[in-house]
Amino acid sequence: MHVLIAGCGITGLTVAHGCRRHGIPHTIFEKDPSASARTQGWSLTLHFGLEPLERTIGPELAKLVPETVIDPRINQAAGHFLHLDGGTGEIRHSIPSTKRLQQVDRQKLRNVLISGLSIQWGKELKSFNNTADGKVSVEFTDGTFVTGDMLIGADGSGSTIRGILNGAGLEEQPVTLLAATRHFTADQAAPFEGRFLFHATEPINNTFMWYGVQTIYTEPDGRDSLEAFVAISWRSDNGERLPTDHKGRINLMKQRAQVFAEPLRSIISDIPDNLDNTVRIHVADYPCRPWKNRGIVTLAGDAAHAMTMYRGEGANHGILDAALIVDQLVELHAGRITQPEALRAYEEELFSRAPQAVLRSRQAALDAHSWVSISKDSPLVGPRIVPEVLKTAQDR
């Protein structure tokens, strides 16, 4: 058998390493021209995804994962996320972490997972088809083809493969989000010492703020400065007109931040006016509706179940997808099950888990901008839920 893997994000790379470790022939391809073609977003919060990641990539690579942690000095295993009253700065909810938790640099983790793999860069999938002998043929936009036994679409939230399977696109949510990565001097970072991630809702205007540390630098005097991903969002209709230039976005972010108490307000108001990395993030998702796999293709990660960022679970579910599909590939490669059985087992679990997870993250995005909705039962501040398939494995 030969497995084709579309996409070199965390999910696709984890699948590829699972294939590599078990001697399963595979080809992994990515539309970007190189690993450095684009940065890989903000940091990732890994919790229930840690165990399936480690067992799938193997002990040697797993030893390198702690090196991607944002700040090893933070006791992340016992850490709590905080949700604050944006009008006062007071803690409103302390969100318990799972048993294990690591806040990692997405790009560093991706670089670890790229190592040891032979990746075909610059290969953008155009289409795929069943062949007469039961295989799958993939055509790329450069006119080349590749044939395999199974195609795994891990090609991200805008998945071409998902679009071909069922024509489904992302579902926009009524939230506007602007973000940037900015530097904090040691003095600017001091009020937030020891906190790598928190968020706040201002109760009058229902504006939401997000702060997540990306990189920490120790200065000559021993104090820490840092880079942090900062975001501000609010409920709106998706027809709202927004500035498309960095200066305009920064001005709008600062206007929206005026309702927050200090030191929260300064997280946004101290953004340099000449910063050139602002971005509008489209808050959208896809609730993992079943598709017809044609006996040759399936989806994983954001391609299968794109989630909003408001619960920090998307990467964990993608990693779990990768681990579970590798489990089925191992059985298939050994001849103990057939390919239809492998796909059926993987997708039955996926369809029982992912839709609810997407909708929890969607509700978290909506609750984030509705002060009266943020109770202890809100998905925004409620505990992260370990999937049943992992609980079953732990019980064994």
Protein backbone atom coordinates (compact mmCIF):
# COMPACT_ATOMS: atom_id res chain seq x y z
CA MET A 1 0.00 0.00 0.00
CA HIS A 2 1.04 3.61 -0.51
CA VAL A 3 -0.46 6.53 1.42
CA LEU A 4 -0.69 10.04 -0.03
CA ILE A 5 -0.76 12.88 2.51
CA ALA A 6 -1.82 16.36 1.44
CA GLY A 7 -0.62 19.14 3.73
CA CYS A 8 2.43 19.83 5.89
CA GLY A 9 0.75 21.30 8.92
CA ILE A 10 0.98 19.63 12.32
CA THR A 11 -1.67 17.03 11.42
CA GLY A 12 -0.20 15.94 8.09
CA LEU A 13 3.33 15.79 9.48
CA THR A 14 2.17 13.65 12.41
CA VAL A 15 0.53 11.20 10.00
CA ALA A 16 3.73 11.06 7.94
CA HIS A 17 5.85 10.25 10.98
CA GLY A 18 3.42 7.52 12.00
CA CYS A 19 3.79 6.00 8.53
CA ARG A 20 7.58 6.37 8.68
CA ARG A 21 7.86 4.64 12.05
CA HIS A 22 5.73 1.68 10.95
CA GLY A 23 7.33 1.23 7.55
CA ILE A 24 4.23 2.28 5.63
CA PRO A 25 5.14 3.69 2.19
CA HIS A 26 3.90 7.25 1.89
CA THR A 27 4.28 10.53 0.04
CA ILE A 28 3.62 13.87 1.72
CA PHE A 29 3.18 17.00 -0.37
CA GLU A 30 2.56 20.67 0.33
CA LYS A 31 1.50 23.55 -1.91
CA ASP A 32 3.94 26.02 -0.30
CA PRO A 33 7.28 26.21 -2.12
CA SER A 34 9.33 25.66 1.05
CA ALA A 35 9.10 25.26 4.82
CA SER A 36 9.89 28.95 5.28
CA ALA A 37 7.37 30.25 2.74
CA ARG A 38 5.08 31.50 5.50
CA THR A 39 5.06 31.72 9.25
CA GLN A 40 2.85 29.26 11.08
CA GLY A 41 0.62 31.52 13.14
CA TRP A 42 0.58 31.96 16.88
CA SER A 43 1.48 29.55 19.63
CA LEU A 44 -0.38 26.31 20.26
CA THR A 45 -1.79 25.03 23.52
CA LEU A 46 -1.28 21.28 23.62
CA HIS A 47 -3.14 19.32 26.27
CA PHE A 48 -4.99 16.09 25.41
CA GLY A 49 -3.07 16.02 22.11
CA LEU A 50 0.29 15.50 23.82
CA GLU A 51 -0.04 11.75 24.42
CA PRO A 52 -1.24 10.86 20.90
CA LEU A 53 1.46 13.12 19.43
CA GLU A 54 4.22 11.43 21.40
CA ARG A 55 3.12 7.89 20.69
CA THR A 56 2.68 8.59 16.97
CA ILE A 57 5.95 10.42 16.26
CA GLY A 58 8.00 8.12 18.51
CA PRO A 59 10.27 8.67 21.53
CA GLU A 60 13.22 10.24 19.71
CA LEU A 61 11.20 13.08 18.20
CA ALA A 62 9.02 13.33 21.31
CA LYS A 63 12.15 14.25 23.29
CA LEU A 64 12.42 17.40 21.16
CA VAL A 65 8.87 18.63 21.77
CA PRO A 66 9.72 20.26 25.15
CA GLU A 67 12.31 22.37 23.32
CA THR A 68 9.45 24.07 21.48
CA VAL A 69 7.76 25.23 24.70
CA ILE A 70 7.34 29.01 24.96
CA ASP A 71 8.80 29.33 28.46
CA PRO A 72 9.94 26.24 30.40
CA ARG A 73 9.96 28.28 33.63
CA ILE A 74 6.19 28.48 33.71
CA ASN A 75 4.69 25.54 35.56
CA GLN A 76 2.42 24.67 32.69
CA ALA A 77 1.40 21.26 34.01
CA ALA A 78 -0.44 23.02 36.84
CA GLY A 79 -1.27 26.23 34.97
CA HIS A 80 -4.65 27.83 34.64
CA PHE A 81 -5.95 30.10 31.91
CA LEU A 82 -7.55 33.28 33.19
CA HIS A 83 -10.62 35.11 31.96
CA LEU A 84 -10.75 38.68 33.23
CA ASP A 85 -13.34 41.39 33.64
CA GLY A 86 -12.06 43.81 31.02
CA GLY A 87 -13.64 46.76 32.79
CA THR A 88 -11.74 46.22 36.05
CA GLY A 89 -8.93 43.80 35.27
CA GLU A 90 -10.19 41.44 37.98
CA ILE A 91 -10.11 37.67 37.52
CA ARG A 92 -13.56 36.34 36.76
CA HIS A 93 -12.79 32.74 35.82
CA SER A 94 -9.78 30.50 36.29
CA ILE A 95 -9.94 27.84 33.62
CA PRO A 96 -8.36 24.59 34.81
CA SER A 97 -5.90 22.96 32.48
CA THR A 98 -5.85 19.30 31.63
CA LYS A 99 -3.47 16.95 33.44
CA ARG A 100 -0.66 17.84 31.03
CA LEU A 101 -0.29 21.12 29.18
CA GLN A 102 2.40 22.72 27.06
CA GLN A 103 2.25 26.08 25.32
CA VAL A 104 4.47 25.60 22.27
CA ASP A 105 5.78 27.71 19.42
CA ARG A 106 3.91 26.47 16.36
CA GLN A 107 6.79 27.15 13.96
CA LYS A 108 9.35 25.40 16.19
CA LEU A 109 7.08 22.37 16.56
CA ARG A 110 6.55 22.26 12.81
CA ASN A 111 10.31 22.41 12.25
CA VAL A 112 10.78 19.45 14.60
CA LEU A 113 8.14 17.47 12.72
CA ILE A 114 9.57 18.34 9.31
CA SER A 115 12.87 16.71 10.26
CA GLY A 116 13.36 13.19 8.94
CA LEU A 117 10.69 13.47 6.26
CA SER A 118 11.02 13.69 2.49
CA ILE A 119 8.50 16.37 1.57
CA GLN A 120 7.44 17.36 -1.92
CA TRP A 121 7.17 21.16 -1.79
CA GLY A 122 5.33 23.32 -4.31
CA LYS A 123 2.74 20.64 -5.04
CA GLU A 124 -0.76 22.11 -5.02
CA LEU A 125 -3.51 19.55 -5.44
CA LYS A 126 -5.92 20.27 -8.29
CA SER A 127 -8.07 17.13 -8.34
CA PHE A 128 -8.18 13.43 -7.53
CA ASN A 129 -9.99 10.45 -9.02
CA ASN A 130 -10.53 6.73 -8.52
CA THR A 131 -8.54 4.61 -10.94
CA ALA A 132 -9.77 1.45 -12.66
CA ASP A 133 -7.66 -0.71 -10.35
CA GLY A 134 -9.06 0.80 -7.14
CA LYS A 135 -6.33 3.33 -6.42
CA VAL A 136 -6.41 7.13 -6.19
CA SER A 137 -4.78 9.40 -8.75
CA VAL A 138 -3.91 12.96 -7.72
CA GLU A 139 -3.33 15.74 -10.23
CA PHE A 140 -1.34 18.82 -9.23
CA THR A 141 -1.65 22.32 -10.65
CA ASP A 142 1.77 21.94 -12.30
CA GLY A 143 0.35 19.15 -14.49
CA THR A 144 2.06 16.25 -12.70
CA PHE A 145 0.33 13.21 -11.19
CA VAL A 146 0.89 10.76 -8.35
CA THR A 147 -0.95 7.52 -7.60
CA GLY A 148 -1.50 5.79 -4.27
CA ASP A 149 -3.90 3.58 -2.37
CA MET A 150 -5.30 6.19 0.01
CA LEU A 151 -5.37 10.00 0.08
CA ILE A 152 -5.45 11.78 3.43
CA GLY A 153 -6.54 15.41 3.16
CA ALA A 154 -4.77 17.40 5.86
CA ASP A 155 -4.73 20.50 3.69
CA GLY A 156 -6.06 22.99 6.20
CA SER A 157 -9.23 24.93 6.86
CA GLY A 158 -9.59 25.94 3.22
CA SER A 159 -9.20 22.33 2.11
CA THR A 160 -9.34 21.70 -1.63
CA ILE A 161 -10.00 18.03 -0.96
CA ARG A 162 -13.01 18.78 1.26
CA GLY A 163 -14.38 21.05 -1.45
CA ILE A 164 -14.10 18.24 -3.99
CA LEU A 165 -15.67 15.68 -1.64
CA ASN A 166 -18.78 17.62 -0.67
CA GLY A 167 -18.45 21.21 -1.86
CA ALA A 168 -18.38 22.47 1.71
CA GLY A 169 -16.67 25.71 2.64
CA LEU A 170 -16.13 27.46 5.94
CA GLU A 171 -19.06 28.92 7.86
CA GLU A 172 -18.38 32.55 8.82
CA GLN A 173 -19.32 33.59 12.36
CA PRO A 174 -20.57 37.09 13.30
CA VAL A 175 -17.29 38.14 14.90
CA THR A 176 -14.63 40.59 13.73
CA LEU A 177 -11.09 39.89 14.95
CA LEU A 178 -7.96 41.99 14.44
CA ALA A 179 -4.59 40.84 15.73
CA ALA A 180 -0.88 41.56 15.75
CA THR A 181 2.34 40.30 17.29
CA ARG A 182 4.08 43.05 19.27
CA HIS A 183 7.11 43.53 21.49
CA PHE A 184 6.78 44.19 25.21
CA THR A 185 9.70 45.79 27.03
CA ALA A 186 10.52 44.41 30.46
CA ASP A 187 8.52 47.25 32.03
CA GLN A 188 5.56 46.65 29.74
CA ALA A 189 5.65 42.89 30.40
CA ALA A 190 5.98 43.20 34.18
CA PRO A 191 2.23 43.40 34.97
CA PHE A 192 1.71 40.06 33.23
CA GLU A 193 4.69 38.15 34.64
CA GLY A 194 4.10 34.41 34.88
CA ARG A 195 1.06 34.45 32.61
CA PHE A 196 1.48 33.05 29.12
CA LEU A 197 -2.17 33.27 28.05
CA PHE A 198 -5.28 35.06 29.23
CA HIS A 199 -8.32 36.78 27.81
CA ALA A 200 -10.84 39.37 28.91
CA THR A 201 -14.31 40.60 28.05
CA GLU A 202 -15.38 44.21 28.69
CA PRO A 203 -18.91 43.92 30.11
CA ILE A 204 -20.47 47.10 28.70
CA ASN A 205 -19.43 46.90 25.05
CA ASN A 206 -18.78 43.12 25.05
CA THR A 207 -15.40 43.60 23.41
CA PHE A 208 -12.95 40.71 23.80
CA MET A 209 -9.16 40.80 24.19
CA TRP A 210 -6.62 37.98 23.86
CA TYR A 211 -2.98 37.90 25.04
CA GLY A 212 -0.64 34.99 24.30
CA VAL A 213 3.13 34.97 24.77
CA GLN A 214 5.10 33.92 21.69
CA THR A 215 8.77 34.41 22.63
CA ILE A 216 10.57 35.43 25.83
CA TYR A 217 13.94 37.21 25.89
CA THR A 218 16.15 37.53 28.97
CA GLU A 219 17.67 41.02 29.01
CA PRO A 220 21.20 41.81 30.34
CA ASP A 221 19.71 42.97 33.65
CA GLY A 222 18.00 39.57 34.08
CA ARG A 223 14.50 40.88 33.41
CA ASP A 224 12.31 39.48 30.64
CA SER A 225 11.00 41.20 27.55
CA LEU A 226 8.76 39.30 25.18
CA GLU A 227 6.81 39.03 21.95
CA ALA A 228 3.11 38.38 22.34
CA PHE A 229 0.18 37.73 20.06
CA VAL A 230 -2.51 40.24 20.94
CA ALA A 231 -6.01 40.37 19.53
CA ILE A 232 -9.23 42.27 19.95
CA SER A 233 -12.61 41.12 18.67
CA TRP A 234 -16.26 42.07 18.75
CA ARG A 235 -19.66 40.87 17.52
CA SER A 236 -20.51 42.21 14.09
CA ASP A 237 -22.07 41.25 10.84
CA ASN A 238 -19.61 39.95 8.29
CA GLY A 239 -20.37 42.86 5.97
CA GLU A 240 -18.53 45.29 8.23
CA ARG A 241 -15.97 47.32 6.31
CA LEU A 242 -12.51 47.25 7.89
CA PRO A 243 -9.23 48.97 7.13
CA THR A 244 -6.97 46.90 4.90
CA ASP A 245 -3.73 48.68 5.82
CA HIS A 246 -1.70 48.11 8.99
CA LYS A 247 -2.00 51.68 10.29
CA GLY A 248 -5.77 51.67 9.86
CA ARG A 249 -6.12 48.33 11.65
CA ILE A 250 -3.93 49.52 14.53
CA ASN A 251 -6.00 52.69 14.92
CA LEU A 252 -9.21 50.65 15.02
CA MET A 253 -7.74 48.21 17.55
CA LYS A 254 -6.73 51.12 19.78
CA GLN A 255 -10.18 52.69 19.52
CA ARG A 256 -11.82 49.42 20.52
CA ALA A 257 -9.38 48.96 23.44
CA GLN A 258 -10.28 52.25 25.13
CA VAL A 259 -13.05 50.55 27.13
CA PHE A 260 -10.58 48.24 28.91
CA ALA A 261 -9.03 48.99 32.29
CA GLU A 262 -5.28 49.31 32.68
CA PRO A 263 -2.98 47.48 32.31
CA LEU A 264 -5.15 45.62 29.79
CA ARG A 265 -5.74 48.74 27.69
CA SER A 266 -2.01 49.22 27.17
CA ILE A 267 -1.68 45.76 25.64
CA ILE A 268 -3.33 47.27 22.57
CA SER A 269 -2.73 51.02 22.99
CA ASP A 270 1.06 50.53 23.15
CA ILE A 271 1.19 48.81 19.75
CA PRO A 272 3.65 50.85 17.67
CA ASP A 273 1.90 52.80 14.94
CA ASN A 274 4.41 51.52 12.37
CA LEU A 275 3.93 47.81 13.14
CA ASP A 276 3.56 45.87 9.90
CA ASN A 277 2.23 42.44 10.93
CA THR A 278 -1.42 43.14 11.71
CA VAL A 279 -3.97 40.71 10.36
CA ARG A 280 -7.70 40.28 10.18
CA ILE A 281 -8.54 36.71 11.19
CA HIS A 282 -11.77 35.41 9.72
CA VAL A 283 -13.67 33.70 12.52
CA ALA A 284 -15.11 30.71 10.71
CA ASP A 285 -15.51 26.98 11.21
CA TYR A 286 -16.65 23.74 9.62
CA PRO A 287 -18.66 21.27 11.77
CA CYS A 288 -17.32 18.05 10.23
CA ARG A 289 -20.29 16.91 8.21
CA PRO A 290 -19.98 13.35 6.83
CA TRP A 291 -18.60 12.88 3.33
CA LYS A 292 -18.46 9.97 0.90
CA ASN A 293 -14.89 8.69 1.02
CA ARG A 294 -15.14 6.76 -2.27
CA GLY A 295 -13.09 4.06 -0.55
CA ILE A 296 -9.90 6.03 -1.19
CA VAL A 297 -9.90 9.38 0.64
CA THR A 298 -10.52 10.92 4.04
CA LEU A 299 -9.91 14.18 5.89
CA ALA A 300 -8.06 15.13 9.06
CA GLY A 301 -7.32 18.23 11.12
CA ASP A 302 -8.71 21.59 10.03
CA ALA A 303 -9.75 20.09 6.69
CA ALA A 304 -12.18 17.85 8.59
CA HIS A 305 -13.23 20.16 11.43
CA ALA A 306 -11.99 23.76 11.30
CA MET A 307 -12.60 25.43 14.68
CA THR A 308 -12.53 28.97 16.02
CA MET A 309 -9.59 29.83 18.27
CA TYR A 310 -11.67 30.53 21.37
CA ARG A 311 -11.17 27.15 23.11
CA GLY A 312 -7.66 26.30 21.94
CA GLU A 313 -8.60 22.74 20.95
CA GLY A 314 -8.18 22.63 17.17
CA ALA A 315 -4.58 21.41 17.05
CA ASN A 316 -5.27 18.79 19.72
CA HIS A 317 -8.13 17.30 17.72
CA GLY A 318 -5.99 17.36 14.57
CA ILE A 319 -3.18 15.49 16.32
CA LEU A 320 -5.68 12.96 17.66
CA ASP A 321 -7.03 12.48 14.12
CA ALA A 322 -3.50 11.76 12.94
CA ALA A 323 -2.84 9.23 15.69
CA LEU A 324 -6.11 7.41 15.11
CA ILE A 325 -5.74 7.20 11.35
CA VAL A 326 -2.19 5.87 11.79
CA ASP A 327 -3.61 3.20 14.11
CA GLN A 328 -5.89 2.10 11.28
CA LEU A 329 -3.10 2.27 8.68
CA VAL A 330 -0.95 -0.03 10.82
CA GLU A 331 -3.75 -2.60 10.92
CA LEU A 332 -4.34 -2.21 7.19
CA HIS A 333 -0.65 -2.51 6.33
CA ALA A 334 -0.46 -5.72 8.39
CA GLY A 335 -3.38 -7.20 6.46
CA ARG A 336 -5.62 -7.49 9.49
CA ILE A 337 -8.33 -5.21 8.06
CA THR A 338 -9.38 -3.94 4.65
CA GLN A 339 -9.14 -0.35 3.46
CA PRO A 340 -12.92 0.22 3.65
CA GLU A 341 -12.84 -1.11 7.22
CA ALA A 342 -9.95 1.21 8.10
CA LEU A 343 -11.72 4.26 6.72
CA ARG A 344 -15.01 3.29 8.37
CA ALA A 345 -13.45 2.85 11.81
CA TYR A 346 -11.54 6.14 11.61
CA GLU A 347 -14.50 8.15 10.34
CA GLU A 348 -17.06 6.68 12.75
CA GLU A 349 -15.01 7.91 15.71
CA LEU A 350 -14.27 11.24 13.99
CA PHE A 351 -17.93 11.95 13.24
CA SER A 352 -18.88 11.13 16.84
CA ARG A 353 -16.27 13.53 18.27
CA ALA A 354 -15.49 16.44 15.99
CA PRO A 355 -18.89 18.06 15.23
CA GLN A 356 -19.58 18.66 18.92
CA ALA A 357 -16.07 20.04 19.41
CA VAL A 358 -16.52 22.50 16.54
CA LEU A 359 -19.85 23.69 17.93
CA ARG A 360 -18.38 24.12 21.43
CA SER A 361 -15.66 26.32 19.97
CA ARG A 362 -18.29 28.24 17.98
CA GLN A 363 -20.32 28.86 21.13
CA ALA A 364 -17.15 29.96 22.93
CA ALA A 365 -16.57 32.53 20.18
CA LEU A 366 -20.10 33.88 20.61
CA ASP A 367 -19.99 33.85 24.43
CA ALA A 368 -16.68 35.73 24.40
CA HIS A 369 -18.63 38.77 23.19
CA SER A 370 -21.63 38.39 25.51
CA TRP A 371 -20.77 39.17 29.13
CA VAL A 372 -24.06 37.77 30.46
CA SER A 373 -23.40 34.44 28.71
CA ILE A 374 -20.05 33.79 30.38
CA SER A 375 -21.00 31.52 33.26
CA LYS A 376 -18.97 28.59 34.55
CA ASP A 377 -20.86 26.43 32.05
CA SER A 378 -19.84 28.47 29.02
CA PRO A 379 -17.52 26.67 26.59
CA LEU A 380 -15.30 29.78 26.72
CA VAL A 381 -14.24 29.17 30.32
CA GLY A 382 -15.32 25.57 30.95
CA PRO A 383 -12.79 22.75 31.26
CA ARG A 384 -11.22 21.29 28.15
CA ILE A 385 -12.87 17.96 27.35
CA VAL A 386 -10.76 14.84 26.89
CA PRO A 387 -12.31 12.78 24.05
CA GLU A 388 -13.83 9.43 24.97
CA VAL A 389 -11.40 7.55 22.75
CA LEU A 390 -8.52 8.80 24.92
CA LYS A 391 -10.35 8.03 28.15
CA THR A 392 -10.87 4.46 26.92
CA ALA A 393 -7.19 4.11 26.08
CA GLN A 394 -6.19 5.47 29.50
CA ASP A 395 -8.54 3.03 31.23
CA ARG A 396 -6.82 0.14 29.46
